[in-house]
Amino acid sequence: MAQIYINNNASIDIYETDGLYAEVLLFDTCQTIGPAYDMAALNRTVFDFIQDFISSVNINESQKLQVSALQDGLVNCQLEESDYFESF
């Protein structure tokens, strides 16, 4: 459905099976989040997960930049999704 890929250490794969899910890969951690029944709710949950992750794990500046780029991609994905639905 949507994929935000920064590199092999930071990516989000959003897919739909029985609801919306996100598989978040952050360095050595892979977390599946969901189900959610709308993209905005899923994005908020993923964004909160990323915030919790960076506040609880000691990461270097390069990793912080990767996580920041991933969050920016998530926000852009949400904006594109809302623009898509508003056009109908």
N, C-alpha and C. Protein backbone atom coordinates (compact mmCIF):
# COMPACT_ATOMS: atom_id res chain seq x y z
N MET A 1 0.82 -1.18 0.00
CA MET A 1 0.00 0.00 0.00
C MET A 1 0.87 1.26 0.00
N ALA A 2 1.84 1.31 0.94
CA ALA A 2 2.78 2.43 0.95
C ALA A 2 4.06 1.95 1.62
N GLN A 3 5.17 2.46 1.14
CA GLN A 3 6.45 2.11 1.74
C GLN A 3 7.30 3.37 1.83
N ILE A 4 7.87 3.56 3.01
CA ILE A 4 8.79 4.67 3.24
C ILE A 4 10.13 4.02 3.55
N TYR A 5 11.07 4.19 2.64
CA TYR A 5 12.35 3.52 2.76
C TYR A 5 13.46 4.55 2.80
N ILE A 6 14.20 4.56 3.89
CA ILE A 6 15.35 5.44 4.00
C ILE A 6 16.61 4.66 3.63
N ASN A 7 16.78 3.51 4.27
CA ASN A 7 17.87 2.58 3.97
C ASN A 7 17.55 1.24 4.64
N ASN A 8 18.50 0.33 4.67
CA ASN A 8 18.26 -0.99 5.26
C ASN A 8 18.01 -0.94 6.76
N ASN A 9 18.29 0.20 7.39
CA ASN A 9 18.13 0.33 8.83
C ASN A 9 16.89 1.10 9.25
N ALA A 10 16.21 1.74 8.32
CA ALA A 10 15.07 2.58 8.68
C ALA A 10 14.04 2.55 7.55
N SER A 11 12.92 1.91 7.82
CA SER A 11 11.85 1.87 6.81
C SER A 11 10.51 1.59 7.48
N ILE A 12 9.46 1.94 6.76
CA ILE A 12 8.09 1.64 7.19
C ILE A 12 7.37 1.06 5.99
N ASP A 13 6.73 -0.06 6.21
CA ASP A 13 5.92 -0.70 5.17
C ASP A 13 4.48 -0.73 5.67
N ILE A 14 3.60 -0.01 5.00
CA ILE A 14 2.19 0.04 5.40
C ILE A 14 1.41 -0.85 4.45
N TYR A 15 0.63 -1.75 5.01
CA TYR A 15 -0.13 -2.69 4.20
C TYR A 15 -1.50 -2.94 4.81
N GLU A 16 -2.38 -3.50 4.02
CA GLU A 16 -3.74 -3.77 4.47
C GLU A 16 -4.04 -5.25 4.30
N THR A 17 -4.46 -5.87 5.39
CA THR A 17 -4.97 -7.24 5.31
C THR A 17 -6.36 -7.24 5.90
N ASP A 18 -6.48 -7.29 7.21
CA ASP A 18 -7.76 -7.14 7.89
C ASP A 18 -7.65 -5.89 8.75
N GLY A 19 -7.54 -4.76 8.10
CA GLY A 19 -7.21 -3.50 8.73
C GLY A 19 -5.87 -3.04 8.19
N LEU A 20 -5.42 -1.89 8.63
CA LEU A 20 -4.14 -1.33 8.20
C LEU A 20 -3.07 -1.67 9.22
N TYR A 21 -1.91 -2.05 8.71
CA TYR A 21 -0.78 -2.39 9.56
C TYR A 21 0.45 -1.66 9.05
N ALA A 22 1.39 -1.45 9.95
CA ALA A 22 2.69 -0.88 9.58
C ALA A 22 3.78 -1.74 10.19
N GLU A 23 4.72 -2.11 9.36
CA GLU A 23 5.91 -2.80 9.85
C GLU A 23 7.02 -1.76 9.88
N VAL A 24 7.50 -1.47 11.07
CA VAL A 24 8.50 -0.42 11.26
C VAL A 24 9.85 -1.07 11.56
N LEU A 25 10.83 -0.78 10.73
CA LEU A 25 12.18 -1.27 10.94
C LEU A 25 13.05 -0.09 11.35
N LEU A 26 13.57 -0.17 12.56
CA LEU A 26 14.49 0.85 13.07
C LEU A 26 15.72 0.15 13.61
N PHE A 27 16.77 0.15 12.81
CA PHE A 27 18.05 -0.43 13.16
C PHE A 27 17.88 -1.93 13.45
N ASP A 28 18.01 -2.38 14.66
CA ASP A 28 17.88 -3.81 14.95
C ASP A 28 16.50 -4.18 15.47
N THR A 29 15.54 -3.29 15.35
CA THR A 29 14.21 -3.51 15.88
C THR A 29 13.20 -3.52 14.75
N CYS A 30 12.35 -4.53 14.75
CA CYS A 30 11.25 -4.60 13.79
C CYS A 30 9.96 -4.74 14.58
N GLN A 31 9.04 -3.82 14.37
CA GLN A 31 7.79 -3.80 15.12
C GLN A 31 6.61 -3.74 14.16
N THR A 32 5.62 -4.59 14.37
CA THR A 32 4.38 -4.52 13.60
C THR A 32 3.35 -3.79 14.43
N ILE A 33 2.74 -2.78 13.83
CA ILE A 33 1.75 -1.95 14.51
C ILE A 33 0.44 -2.07 13.77
N GLY A 34 -0.63 -2.28 14.50
CA GLY A 34 -1.95 -2.39 13.91
C GLY A 34 -2.76 -3.45 14.62
N PRO A 35 -3.97 -3.67 14.25
CA PRO A 35 -4.65 -3.04 13.12
C PRO A 35 -5.21 -1.66 13.47
N ALA A 36 -5.32 -0.85 12.45
CA ALA A 36 -6.00 0.43 12.52
C ALA A 36 -6.98 0.45 11.35
N TYR A 37 -7.98 1.26 11.45
CA TYR A 37 -9.01 1.25 10.42
C TYR A 37 -9.07 2.53 9.61
N ASP A 38 -8.12 3.45 9.89
CA ASP A 38 -7.92 4.58 9.00
C ASP A 38 -6.45 4.98 9.05
N MET A 39 -5.99 5.56 7.98
CA MET A 39 -4.58 5.88 7.82
C MET A 39 -4.11 6.90 8.85
N ALA A 40 -4.94 7.85 9.20
CA ALA A 40 -4.53 8.88 10.17
C ALA A 40 -4.24 8.25 11.53
N ALA A 41 -5.08 7.33 11.97
CA ALA A 41 -4.86 6.66 13.25
C ALA A 41 -3.59 5.83 13.23
N LEU A 42 -3.37 5.11 12.14
CA LEU A 42 -2.16 4.30 12.02
C LEU A 42 -0.92 5.19 12.03
N ASN A 43 -0.96 6.27 11.28
CA ASN A 43 0.20 7.17 11.23
C ASN A 43 0.50 7.78 12.59
N ARG A 44 -0.53 8.15 13.35
CA ARG A 44 -0.31 8.69 14.69
C ARG A 44 0.36 7.66 15.59
N THR A 45 -0.11 6.41 15.51
CA THR A 45 0.45 5.35 16.33
C THR A 45 1.90 5.08 15.96
N VAL A 46 2.19 5.04 14.67
CA VAL A 46 3.56 4.82 14.20
C VAL A 46 4.45 5.99 14.62
N PHE A 47 3.96 7.21 14.45
CA PHE A 47 4.74 8.38 14.83
C PHE A 47 5.06 8.35 16.32
N ASP A 48 4.06 8.00 17.15
CA ASP A 48 4.27 7.89 18.60
C ASP A 48 5.29 6.79 18.93
N PHE A 49 5.20 5.66 18.22
CA PHE A 49 6.15 4.58 18.43
C PHE A 49 7.58 5.05 18.14
N ILE A 50 7.75 5.77 17.05
CA ILE A 50 9.08 6.27 16.68
C ILE A 50 9.58 7.25 17.74
N GLN A 51 8.71 8.13 18.21
CA GLN A 51 9.10 9.09 19.26
C GLN A 51 9.54 8.35 20.51
N ASP A 52 8.77 7.35 20.93
CA ASP A 52 9.13 6.55 22.11
C ASP A 52 10.45 5.84 21.90
N PHE A 53 10.65 5.31 20.70
CA PHE A 53 11.88 4.59 20.38
C PHE A 53 13.10 5.50 20.53
N ILE A 54 13.04 6.68 19.92
CA ILE A 54 14.22 7.55 19.96
C ILE A 54 14.46 8.13 21.36
N SER A 55 13.41 8.22 22.18
CA SER A 55 13.62 8.72 23.54
C SER A 55 14.13 7.64 24.48
N SER A 56 13.94 6.37 24.12
CA SER A 56 14.37 5.29 25.02
C SER A 56 15.65 4.60 24.60
N VAL A 57 16.12 4.86 23.38
CA VAL A 57 17.31 4.20 22.87
C VAL A 57 18.39 5.25 22.60
N ASN A 58 19.60 4.93 22.95
CA ASN A 58 20.72 5.84 22.70
C ASN A 58 21.15 5.68 21.24
N ILE A 59 20.89 6.70 20.42
CA ILE A 59 21.27 6.64 19.02
C ILE A 59 22.18 7.81 18.69
N ASN A 60 23.03 7.61 17.70
CA ASN A 60 23.98 8.66 17.32
C ASN A 60 23.32 9.66 16.36
N GLU A 61 24.06 10.69 16.01
CA GLU A 61 23.51 11.75 15.15
C GLU A 61 23.08 11.25 13.78
N SER A 62 23.86 10.37 13.20
CA SER A 62 23.51 9.81 11.89
C SER A 62 22.19 9.05 11.96
N GLN A 63 22.01 8.28 13.02
CA GLN A 63 20.77 7.53 13.21
C GLN A 63 19.60 8.48 13.46
N LYS A 64 19.84 9.56 14.20
CA LYS A 64 18.78 10.54 14.44
C LYS A 64 18.32 11.16 13.12
N LEU A 65 19.26 11.41 12.22
CA LEU A 65 18.89 11.96 10.91
C LEU A 65 18.06 10.96 10.11
N GLN A 66 18.39 9.68 10.19
CA GLN A 66 17.62 8.64 9.50
C GLN A 66 16.20 8.57 10.06
N VAL A 67 16.08 8.61 11.39
CA VAL A 67 14.76 8.55 12.02
C VAL A 67 13.95 9.79 11.67
N SER A 68 14.59 10.95 11.65
CA SER A 68 13.92 12.19 11.28
C SER A 68 13.40 12.11 9.85
N ALA A 69 14.22 11.59 8.95
CA ALA A 69 13.79 11.43 7.55
C ALA A 69 12.62 10.46 7.45
N LEU A 70 12.64 9.42 8.26
CA LEU A 70 11.54 8.46 8.27
C LEU A 70 10.25 9.12 8.75
N GLN A 71 10.33 9.93 9.80
CA GLN A 71 9.16 10.65 10.29
C GLN A 71 8.64 11.63 9.25
N ASP A 72 9.54 12.32 8.57
CA ASP A 72 9.12 13.24 7.51
C ASP A 72 8.39 12.49 6.40
N GLY A 73 8.90 11.31 6.05
CA GLY A 73 8.24 10.49 5.04
C GLY A 73 6.86 10.06 5.48
N LEU A 74 6.71 9.75 6.76
CA LEU A 74 5.40 9.35 7.30
C LEU A 74 4.42 10.52 7.22
N VAL A 75 4.87 11.71 7.56
CA VAL A 75 4.01 12.90 7.47
C VAL A 75 3.62 13.15 6.02
N ASN A 76 4.56 13.05 5.11
CA ASN A 76 4.27 13.26 3.69
C ASN A 76 3.30 12.20 3.17
N CYS A 77 3.45 10.97 3.64
CA CYS A 77 2.54 9.89 3.24
C CYS A 77 1.12 10.23 3.69
N GLN A 78 0.98 10.74 4.90
CA GLN A 78 -0.34 11.12 5.42
C GLN A 78 -0.92 12.26 4.60
N LEU A 79 -0.10 13.24 4.24
CA LEU A 79 -0.59 14.37 3.45
C LEU A 79 -1.04 13.90 2.07
N GLU A 80 -0.26 13.03 1.45
CA GLU A 80 -0.64 12.51 0.13
C GLU A 80 -1.93 11.71 0.21
N GLU A 81 -2.10 10.93 1.26
CA GLU A 81 -3.30 10.12 1.45
C GLU A 81 -4.52 11.03 1.62
N SER A 82 -4.40 12.10 2.43
CA SER A 82 -5.54 12.99 2.64
C SER A 82 -5.85 13.78 1.37
N ASP A 83 -4.84 14.19 0.61
CA ASP A 83 -5.08 14.87 -0.67
C ASP A 83 -5.80 13.94 -1.64
N TYR A 84 -5.42 12.67 -1.64
CA TYR A 84 -6.04 11.69 -2.53
C TYR A 84 -7.53 11.57 -2.22
N PHE A 85 -7.87 11.44 -0.94
CA PHE A 85 -9.27 11.26 -0.57
C PHE A 85 -10.08 12.55 -0.74
N GLU A 86 -9.44 13.70 -0.56
CA GLU A 86 -10.15 14.96 -0.73
C GLU A 86 -10.50 15.23 -2.19
N SER A 87 -9.79 14.62 -3.11
CA SER A 87 -10.04 14.88 -4.51
C SER A 87 -11.29 14.16 -5.04
N PHE A 88 -11.86 13.25 -4.25
CA PHE A 88 -13.04 12.53 -4.69
C PHE A 88 -14.31 13.16 -4.23
